[in-house]
């Protein structure tokens, strides 16, 4: 018996990295998981297949988190397929590092569309279906609070927006028994930002525990927020950053 038995979860951007770790952990806790992807079809299908092969329930759905109509339709598809929705994890995001003066308009627009508008739209649609015990968890970034490198203007802007956004709906839906929280990871060892990658040299000295985190470590905090023991935690921004922001 898992703490999420009978629950249905959506994990956006769940085909790799932190999103994959979250999808696998929620499935291990008993939830049926719909993981969305934009371009990683084979990877997403493999994750869903492995979860199913381990006795869980999972489906991969192609959804562009920067397309509001697609986001709404994706949530509706999950509800139609599984009959309910209990947990939304807004994980999909894009990260672009470039000097602010060189940042093209289309890159800015895409970053805002995925990192902010996609989160708002998915949350808005999910709240049409969530009942008491429902959970919305958004994956932000410690770069909302601290940026020790150049070129992170639009990324920091969008991630700070997520933290601010979380507090407002938490107030609105608290009386319905629904919680809304943000998890801000620090440097995490993924294909996008490997622990031995080009950013590691100047990033690692800022981490108190002197190492990158793992997707599983972020997923453990998400699993807590998704479960029944976190019912008094809402409107919160919780860091899983190894002391990066200490």
C-alpha atoms as a PDB file:
ATOM      1  CA  UNK A   1       0.000   0.000   0.000  1.00  0.00           C
ATOM      2  CA  UNK A   2       1.374   3.388  -1.005  1.00  0.00           C
ATOM      3  CA  UNK A   3       0.383   6.755   0.376  1.00  0.00           C
ATOM      4  CA  UNK A   4      -0.996   7.730  -3.049  1.00  0.00           C
ATOM      5  CA  UNK A   5      -2.980   4.578  -3.835  1.00  0.00           C
ATOM      6  CA  UNK A   6      -6.019   5.454  -5.924  1.00  0.00           C
ATOM      7  CA  UNK A   7      -4.720   8.927  -6.775  1.00  0.00           C
ATOM      8  CA  UNK A   8      -4.123  10.295 -10.278  1.00  0.00           C
ATOM      9  CA  UNK A   9      -1.215  12.620 -10.990  1.00  0.00           C
ATOM     10  CA  UNK A  10      -0.011  14.691 -13.913  1.00  0.00           C
ATOM     11  CA  UNK A  11       3.705  15.439 -14.166  1.00  0.00           C
ATOM     12  CA  UNK A  12       4.453  17.902 -16.941  1.00  0.00           C
ATOM     13  CA  UNK A  13       7.828  17.431 -18.585  1.00  0.00           C
ATOM     14  CA  UNK A  14       7.985  13.990 -17.021  1.00  0.00           C
ATOM     15  CA  UNK A  15      10.095  12.179 -19.597  1.00  0.00           C
ATOM     16  CA  UNK A  16      13.552  12.965 -18.209  1.00  0.00           C
ATOM     17  CA  UNK A  17      15.560  14.625 -15.463  1.00  0.00           C
ATOM     18  CA  UNK A  18      13.703  15.875 -12.403  1.00  0.00           C
ATOM     19  CA  UNK A  19      10.317  15.241 -14.021  1.00  0.00           C
ATOM     20  CA  UNK A  20      11.155  11.605 -14.679  1.00  0.00           C
ATOM     21  CA  UNK A  21      12.296  11.173 -11.089  1.00  0.00           C
ATOM     22  CA  UNK A  22       9.033  12.656  -9.838  1.00  0.00           C
ATOM     23  CA  UNK A  23       6.890  10.511 -12.143  1.00  0.00           C
ATOM     24  CA  UNK A  24       8.643   7.344 -11.011  1.00  0.00           C
ATOM     25  CA  UNK A  25       8.371   8.254  -7.324  1.00  0.00           C
ATOM     26  CA  UNK A  26       4.670   9.120  -7.446  1.00  0.00           C
ATOM     27  CA  UNK A  27       4.001   5.877  -9.304  1.00  0.00           C
ATOM     28  CA  UNK A  28       5.963   3.970  -6.660  1.00  0.00           C
ATOM     29  CA  UNK A  29       3.703   5.581  -4.041  1.00  0.00           C
ATOM     30  CA  UNK A  30       0.673   4.153  -5.840  1.00  0.00           C
ATOM     31  CA  UNK A  31      -0.524   6.996  -8.069  1.00  0.00           C
ATOM     32  CA  UNK A  32      -1.535   6.571 -11.681  1.00  0.00           C
ATOM     33  CA  UNK A  33       0.762   8.977 -13.519  1.00  0.00           C
ATOM     34  CA  UNK A  34       0.297  10.866 -16.763  1.00  0.00           C
ATOM     35  CA  UNK A  35       3.632  12.300 -17.829  1.00  0.00           C
ATOM     36  CA  UNK A  36       3.679  14.918 -20.545  1.00  0.00           C
ATOM     37  CA  UNK A  37       6.438  15.629 -23.029  1.00  0.00           C
ATOM     38  CA  UNK A  38       7.034  17.946 -25.948  1.00  0.00           C
ATOM     39  CA  UNK A  39       9.671  16.299 -28.114  1.00  0.00           C
ATOM     40  CA  UNK A  40      11.079  13.260 -26.256  1.00  0.00           C
ATOM     41  CA  UNK A  41       8.547  10.717 -27.499  1.00  0.00           C
ATOM     42  CA  UNK A  42      10.680   7.582 -27.211  1.00  0.00           C
ATOM     43  CA  UNK A  43      12.022   8.543 -23.799  1.00  0.00           C
ATOM     44  CA  UNK A  44       8.562   9.344 -22.453  1.00  0.00           C
ATOM     45  CA  UNK A  45       7.072   6.107 -23.747  1.00  0.00           C
ATOM     46  CA  UNK A  46       9.955   4.156 -22.201  1.00  0.00           C
ATOM     47  CA  UNK A  47       9.407   5.739 -18.778  1.00  0.00           C
ATOM     48  CA  UNK A  48       5.682   4.996 -18.940  1.00  0.00           C
ATOM     49  CA  UNK A  49       6.367   1.428 -20.070  1.00  0.00           C
ATOM     50  CA  UNK A  50       8.834   0.813 -17.247  1.00  0.00           C
ATOM     51  CA  UNK A  51       6.405   2.142 -14.658  1.00  0.00           C
ATOM     52  CA  UNK A  52       3.669  -0.107 -16.038  1.00  0.00           C
ATOM     53  CA  UNK A  53       6.054  -3.050 -16.149  1.00  0.00           C
ATOM     54  CA  UNK A  54       6.752  -2.568 -12.451  1.00  0.00           C
ATOM     55  CA  UNK A  55       3.071  -2.866 -11.627  1.00  0.00           C
ATOM     56  CA  UNK A  56       2.147   0.806 -11.780  1.00  0.00           C
ATOM     57  CA  UNK A  57      -0.127   2.777 -14.066  1.00  0.00           C
ATOM     58  CA  UNK A  58       1.273   5.378 -16.430  1.00  0.00           C
ATOM     59  CA  UNK A  59       0.653   7.036 -19.755  1.00  0.00           C
ATOM     60  CA  UNK A  60       2.763   9.426 -21.821  1.00  0.00           C
ATOM     61  CA  UNK A  61       1.015  12.351 -23.507  1.00  0.00           C
ATOM     62  CA  UNK A  62       2.473  14.803 -26.000  1.00  0.00           C
ATOM     63  CA  UNK A  63       1.629  18.286 -24.724  1.00  0.00           C
ATOM     64  CA  UNK A  64       3.403  21.521 -25.551  1.00  0.00           C
ATOM     65  CA  UNK A  65       3.410  23.371 -22.239  1.00  0.00           C
ATOM     66  CA  UNK A  66       3.798  26.630 -24.139  1.00  0.00           C
ATOM     67  CA  UNK A  67       0.460  26.136 -25.912  1.00  0.00           C
ATOM     68  CA  UNK A  68      -2.458  27.066 -23.666  1.00  0.00           C
ATOM     69  CA  UNK A  69      -5.058  25.104 -25.646  1.00  0.00           C
ATOM     70  CA  UNK A  70      -2.851  22.008 -25.642  1.00  0.00           C
ATOM     71  CA  UNK A  71      -2.289  22.287 -21.889  1.00  0.00           C
ATOM     72  CA  UNK A  72      -6.016  22.479 -21.189  1.00  0.00           C
ATOM     73  CA  UNK A  73      -6.742  19.549 -23.500  1.00  0.00           C
ATOM     74  CA  UNK A  74      -3.976  17.491 -21.883  1.00  0.00           C
ATOM     75  CA  UNK A  75      -5.528  17.889 -18.425  1.00  0.00           C
ATOM     76  CA  UNK A  76      -8.946  16.951 -19.798  1.00  0.00           C
ATOM     77  CA  UNK A  77      -7.512  13.846 -21.488  1.00  0.00           C
ATOM     78  CA  UNK A  78      -6.090  12.643 -18.193  1.00  0.00           C
ATOM     79  CA  UNK A  79      -9.405  13.127 -16.401  1.00  0.00           C
ATOM     80  CA  UNK A  80     -11.256  11.326 -19.205  1.00  0.00           C
ATOM     81  CA  UNK A  81      -8.795   8.439 -19.116  1.00  0.00           C
ATOM     82  CA  UNK A  82      -8.521   7.918 -15.364  1.00  0.00           C
ATOM     83  CA  UNK A  83     -11.803   9.395 -14.186  1.00  0.00           C
ATOM     84  CA  UNK A  84     -10.302  11.916 -11.793  1.00  0.00           C
ATOM     85  CA  UNK A  85      -7.344  14.156 -10.987  1.00  0.00           C
ATOM     86  CA  UNK A  86      -5.699  14.563  -7.596  1.00  0.00           C
ATOM     87  CA  UNK A  87      -2.184  15.903  -8.154  1.00  0.00           C
ATOM     88  CA  UNK A  88      -0.664  18.313 -10.641  1.00  0.00           C
ATOM     89  CA  UNK A  89       3.105  18.686 -10.745  1.00  0.00           C
ATOM     90  CA  UNK A  90       4.109  21.616 -12.937  1.00  0.00           C
ATOM     91  CA  UNK A  91       7.618  20.557 -13.866  1.00  0.00           C
ATOM     92  CA  UNK A  92       8.003  21.400 -17.569  1.00  0.00           C
ATOM     93  CA  UNK A  93      10.360  24.301 -18.142  1.00  0.00           C
ATOM     94  CA  UNK A  94      12.956  25.778 -20.431  1.00  0.00           C
ATOM     95  CA  UNK A  95      16.242  27.395 -19.461  1.00  0.00           C
ATOM     96  CA  UNK A  96      18.185  29.806 -21.650  1.00  0.00           C
ATOM     97  CA  UNK A  97      21.424  31.464 -20.552  1.00  0.00           C
ATOM     98  CA  UNK A  98      22.301  34.587 -22.553  1.00  0.00           C
ATOM     99  CA  UNK A  99      23.226  38.210 -21.829  1.00  0.00           C
ATOM    100  CA  UNK A 100      20.085  40.285 -21.466  1.00  0.00           C
ATOM    101  CA  UNK A 101      21.109  42.529 -24.355  1.00  0.00           C
ATOM    102  CA  UNK A 102      21.425  39.541 -26.690  1.00  0.00           C
ATOM    103  CA  UNK A 103      18.230  37.743 -25.750  1.00  0.00           C
ATOM    104  CA  UNK A 104      15.913  37.464 -28.788  1.00  0.00           C
ATOM    105  CA  UNK A 105      12.253  38.309 -28.311  1.00  0.00           C
ATOM    106  CA  UNK A 106      11.177  34.848 -29.394  1.00  0.00           C
ATOM    107  CA  UNK A 107      13.369  33.217 -26.721  1.00  0.00           C
ATOM    108  CA  UNK A 108      11.894  35.474 -24.052  1.00  0.00           C
ATOM    109  CA  UNK A 109       8.365  34.767 -25.274  1.00  0.00           C
ATOM    110  CA  UNK A 110       8.899  31.001 -25.293  1.00  0.00           C
ATOM    111  CA  UNK A 111      10.403  31.057 -21.789  1.00  0.00           C
ATOM    112  CA  UNK A 112       7.443  32.974 -20.403  1.00  0.00           C
ATOM    113  CA  UNK A 113       4.966  30.796 -22.313  1.00  0.00           C
ATOM    114  CA  UNK A 114       6.328  27.535 -20.894  1.00  0.00           C
ATOM    115  CA  UNK A 115       7.621  28.560 -17.467  1.00  0.00           C
ATOM    116  CA  UNK A 116       4.820  30.914 -16.457  1.00  0.00           C
ATOM    117  CA  UNK A 117       1.782  30.767 -18.730  1.00  0.00           C
ATOM    118  CA  UNK A 118       1.942  26.972 -18.929  1.00  0.00           C
ATOM    119  CA  UNK A 119       2.005  26.737 -15.137  1.00  0.00           C
ATOM    120  CA  UNK A 120      -0.907  29.157 -14.781  1.00  0.00           C
ATOM    121  CA  UNK A 121      -2.991  27.403 -17.437  1.00  0.00           C
ATOM    122  CA  UNK A 122      -2.382  23.882 -16.145  1.00  0.00           C
ATOM    123  CA  UNK A 123      -3.191  24.986 -12.602  1.00  0.00           C
ATOM    124  CA  UNK A 124      -6.314  26.797 -13.728  1.00  0.00           C
ATOM    125  CA  UNK A 125      -7.599  23.762 -15.616  1.00  0.00           C
ATOM    126  CA  UNK A 126      -6.603  21.310 -12.888  1.00  0.00           C
ATOM    127  CA  UNK A 127      -8.571  23.272 -10.310  1.00  0.00           C
ATOM    128  CA  UNK A 128     -11.728  22.536 -12.274  1.00  0.00           C
ATOM    129  CA  UNK A 129     -11.218  18.872 -11.381  1.00  0.00           C
ATOM    130  CA  UNK A 130      -9.357  18.735  -8.056  1.00  0.00           C
ATOM    131  CA  UNK A 131     -11.318  17.965  -4.912  1.00  0.00           C
ATOM    132  CA  UNK A 132     -10.489  17.886  -1.227  1.00  0.00           C
ATOM    133  CA  UNK A 133      -6.963  16.564  -0.764  1.00  0.00           C
ATOM    134  CA  UNK A 134      -5.916  17.897  -4.159  1.00  0.00           C
ATOM    135  CA  UNK A 135      -2.365  19.061  -4.662  1.00  0.00           C
ATOM    136  CA  UNK A 136      -0.648  21.505  -7.010  1.00  0.00           C
ATOM    137  CA  UNK A 137       3.151  21.422  -6.824  1.00  0.00           C
ATOM    138  CA  UNK A 138       5.290  23.556  -9.088  1.00  0.00           C
ATOM    139  CA  UNK A 139       8.992  23.032  -9.684  1.00  0.00           C
ATOM    140  CA  UNK A 140      10.719  26.398  -9.502  1.00  0.00           C
ATOM    141  CA  UNK A 141      14.400  27.119  -8.985  1.00  0.00           C
ATOM    142  CA  UNK A 142      16.661  28.631  -6.342  1.00  0.00           C
ATOM    143  CA  UNK A 143      17.613  31.063  -9.106  1.00  0.00           C
ATOM    144  CA  UNK A 144      14.394  32.824  -8.154  1.00  0.00           C
ATOM    145  CA  UNK A 145      16.297  33.976  -5.063  1.00  0.00           C
ATOM    146  CA  UNK A 146      19.944  33.821  -6.025  1.00  0.00           C
ATOM    147  CA  UNK A 147      21.739  34.043  -9.376  1.00  0.00           C
ATOM    148  CA  UNK A 148      25.518  33.837  -9.147  1.00  0.00           C
ATOM    149  CA  UNK A 149      26.137  33.831 -12.900  1.00  0.00           C
ATOM    150  CA  UNK A 150      25.458  36.159 -15.812  1.00  0.00           C
ATOM    151  CA  UNK A 151      22.856  35.503 -18.458  1.00  0.00           C
ATOM    152  CA  UNK A 152      20.082  34.180 -16.261  1.00  0.00           C
ATOM    153  CA  UNK A 153      17.706  37.134 -16.455  1.00  0.00           C
ATOM    154  CA  UNK A 154      14.673  35.587 -18.134  1.00  0.00           C
ATOM    155  CA  UNK A 155      15.051  32.263 -16.298  1.00  0.00           C
ATOM    156  CA  UNK A 156      15.217  33.987 -12.916  1.00  0.00           C
ATOM    157  CA  UNK A 157      12.283  36.194 -13.847  1.00  0.00           C
ATOM    158  CA  UNK A 158      10.051  33.255 -14.669  1.00  0.00           C
ATOM    159  CA  UNK A 159      11.051  31.200 -11.648  1.00  0.00           C
ATOM    160  CA  UNK A 160      10.506  34.129  -9.280  1.00  0.00           C
ATOM    161  CA  UNK A 161       7.089  34.527 -10.867  1.00  0.00           C
ATOM    162  CA  UNK A 162       6.256  30.929  -9.981  1.00  0.00           C
ATOM    163  CA  UNK A 163       7.008  31.511  -6.303  1.00  0.00           C
ATOM    164  CA  UNK A 164       4.797  34.584  -6.279  1.00  0.00           C
ATOM    165  CA  UNK A 165       2.004  32.843  -8.145  1.00  0.00           C
ATOM    166  CA  UNK A 166       1.897  29.960  -5.657  1.00  0.00           C
ATOM    167  CA  UNK A 167       0.796  32.131  -2.760  1.00  0.00           C
ATOM    168  CA  UNK A 168      -2.354  33.537  -4.381  1.00  0.00           C
ATOM    169  CA  UNK A 169      -4.194  30.325  -5.368  1.00  0.00           C
ATOM    170  CA  UNK A 170      -3.167  28.766  -2.048  1.00  0.00           C
ATOM    171  CA  UNK A 171      -5.378  31.410  -0.420  1.00  0.00           C
ATOM    172  CA  UNK A 172      -8.225  30.814  -2.847  1.00  0.00           C
ATOM    173  CA  UNK A 173      -8.436  27.036  -2.676  1.00  0.00           C
ATOM    174  CA  UNK A 174      -7.356  26.361   0.897  1.00  0.00           C
ATOM    175  CA  UNK A 175     -10.982  26.199   2.057  1.00  0.00           C
ATOM    176  CA  UNK A 176     -11.533  23.423  -0.503  1.00  0.00           C
ATOM    177  CA  UNK A 177      -8.815  21.301   1.109  1.00  0.00           C
ATOM    178  CA  UNK A 178      -6.402  21.834  -1.790  1.00  0.00           C
ATOM    179  CA  UNK A 179      -2.786  22.841  -1.236  1.00  0.00           C
ATOM    180  CA  UNK A 180      -0.485  24.754  -3.593  1.00  0.00           C
ATOM    181  CA  UNK A 181       3.281  24.749  -3.113  1.00  0.00           C
ATOM    182  CA  UNK A 182       6.554  25.365  -4.904  1.00  0.00           C
ATOM    183  CA  UNK A 183       9.719  23.259  -4.728  1.00  0.00           C
ATOM    184  CA  UNK A 184      12.908  25.097  -5.675  1.00  0.00           C
ATOM    185  CA  UNK A 185      15.718  22.701  -6.597  1.00  0.00           C
ATOM    186  CA  UNK A 186      19.313  23.784  -6.584  1.00  0.00           C
ATOM    187  CA  UNK A 187      21.888  22.240  -8.937  1.00  0.00           C
ATOM    188  CA  UNK A 188      20.672  18.740  -9.815  1.00  0.00           C
ATOM    189  CA  UNK A 189      22.623  16.175 -11.817  1.00  0.00           C
ATOM    190  CA  UNK A 190      20.635  15.803 -15.038  1.00  0.00           C
ATOM    191  CA  UNK A 191      21.440  15.624 -18.732  1.00  0.00           C
ATOM    192  CA  UNK A 192      20.631  19.330 -18.965  1.00  0.00           C
ATOM    193  CA  UNK A 193      22.986  20.289 -16.118  1.00  0.00           C
ATOM    194  CA  UNK A 194      25.352  17.374 -15.380  1.00  0.00           C
ATOM    195  CA  UNK A 195      27.448  17.349 -12.235  1.00  0.00           C
ATOM    196  CA  UNK A 196      30.564  17.260 -14.429  1.00  0.00           C
ATOM    197  CA  UNK A 197      29.245  19.726 -17.003  1.00  0.00           C
ATOM    198  CA  UNK A 198      30.429  23.187 -18.057  1.00  0.00           C
ATOM    199  CA  UNK A 199      28.616  24.987 -15.213  1.00  0.00           C
ATOM    200  CA  UNK A 200      29.819  22.696 -12.435  1.00  0.00           C
ATOM    201  CA  UNK A 201      33.152  24.407 -11.898  1.00  0.00           C
ATOM    202  CA  UNK A 202      31.671  27.683 -10.716  1.00  0.00           C
ATOM    203  CA  UNK A 203      28.430  26.209  -9.316  1.00  0.00           C
ATOM    204  CA  UNK A 204      29.679  23.537  -6.932  1.00  0.00           C
ATOM    205  CA  UNK A 205      31.584  25.913  -4.597  1.00  0.00           C
ATOM    206  CA  UNK A 206      28.237  27.543  -3.761  1.00  0.00           C
ATOM    207  CA  UNK A 207      26.655  24.246  -2.613  1.00  0.00           C
ATOM    208  CA  UNK A 208      26.991  23.693   1.137  1.00  0.00           C
ATOM    209  CA  UNK A 209      27.004  19.896   0.871  1.00  0.00           C
ATOM    210  CA  UNK A 210      29.655  20.071  -1.882  1.00  0.00           C
ATOM    211  CA  UNK A 211      27.767  18.024  -4.460  1.00  0.00           C
ATOM    212  CA  UNK A 212      24.929  18.177  -6.941  1.00  0.00           C
ATOM    213  CA  UNK A 213      21.584  16.746  -5.940  1.00  0.00           C
ATOM    214  CA  UNK A 214      19.750  13.910  -7.665  1.00  0.00           C
ATOM    215  CA  UNK A 215      16.281  13.859  -9.233  1.00  0.00           C
ATOM    216  CA  UNK A 216      15.270  11.287  -6.617  1.00  0.00           C
ATOM    217  CA  UNK A 217      16.077  13.728  -3.811  1.00  0.00           C
ATOM    218  CA  UNK A 218      13.826  16.389  -5.314  1.00  0.00           C
ATOM    219  CA  UNK A 219      11.154  13.759  -5.955  1.00  0.00           C
ATOM    220  CA  UNK A 220      11.132  12.774  -2.283  1.00  0.00           C
ATOM    221  CA  UNK A 221      10.086  16.302  -1.297  1.00  0.00           C
ATOM    222  CA  UNK A 222       7.439  16.351  -4.023  1.00  0.00           C
ATOM    223  CA  UNK A 223       6.105  13.003  -2.776  1.00  0.00           C
ATOM    224  CA  UNK A 224       5.747  14.451   0.714  1.00  0.00           C
ATOM    225  CA  UNK A 225       3.840  17.474  -0.592  1.00  0.00           C
ATOM    226  CA  UNK A 226       1.638  15.195  -2.691  1.00  0.00           C
ATOM    227  CA  UNK A 227       0.736  13.008   0.264  1.00  0.00           C
ATOM    228  CA  UNK A 228      -1.705  13.295   3.167  1.00  0.00           C
ATOM    229  CA  UNK A 229       0.895  14.272   5.769  1.00  0.00           C
ATOM    230  CA  UNK A 230       1.465  17.665   4.110  1.00  0.00           C
ATOM    231  CA  UNK A 231      -2.119  18.876   4.419  1.00  0.00           C
ATOM    232  CA  UNK A 232      -1.078  21.842   6.619  1.00  0.00           C
ATOM    233  CA  UNK A 233       1.635  22.991   4.200  1.00  0.00           C
ATOM    234  CA  UNK A 234       0.418  25.408   1.553  1.00  0.00           C
ATOM    235  CA  UNK A 235       1.515  28.637  -0.093  1.00  0.00           C
ATOM    236  CA  UNK A 236       5.073  27.584   0.693  1.00  0.00           C
ATOM    237  CA  UNK A 237       8.300  27.725  -1.273  1.00  0.00           C
ATOM    238  CA  UNK A 238      10.587  24.895  -0.180  1.00  0.00           C
ATOM    239  CA  UNK A 239      14.205  24.604  -1.260  1.00  0.00           C
ATOM    240  CA  UNK A 240      15.909  21.320  -2.100  1.00  0.00           C
ATOM    241  CA  UNK A 241      19.280  22.822  -2.907  1.00  0.00           C
ATOM    242  CA  UNK A 242      21.995  21.355  -0.713  1.00  0.00           C
ATOM    243  CA  UNK A 243      22.444  24.726   0.961  1.00  0.00           C
ATOM    244  CA  UNK A 244      23.050  26.583  -2.304  1.00  0.00           C
ATOM    245  CA  UNK A 245      20.950  29.515  -1.084  1.00  0.00           C
ATOM    246  CA  UNK A 246      22.134  29.381   2.539  1.00  0.00           C
END
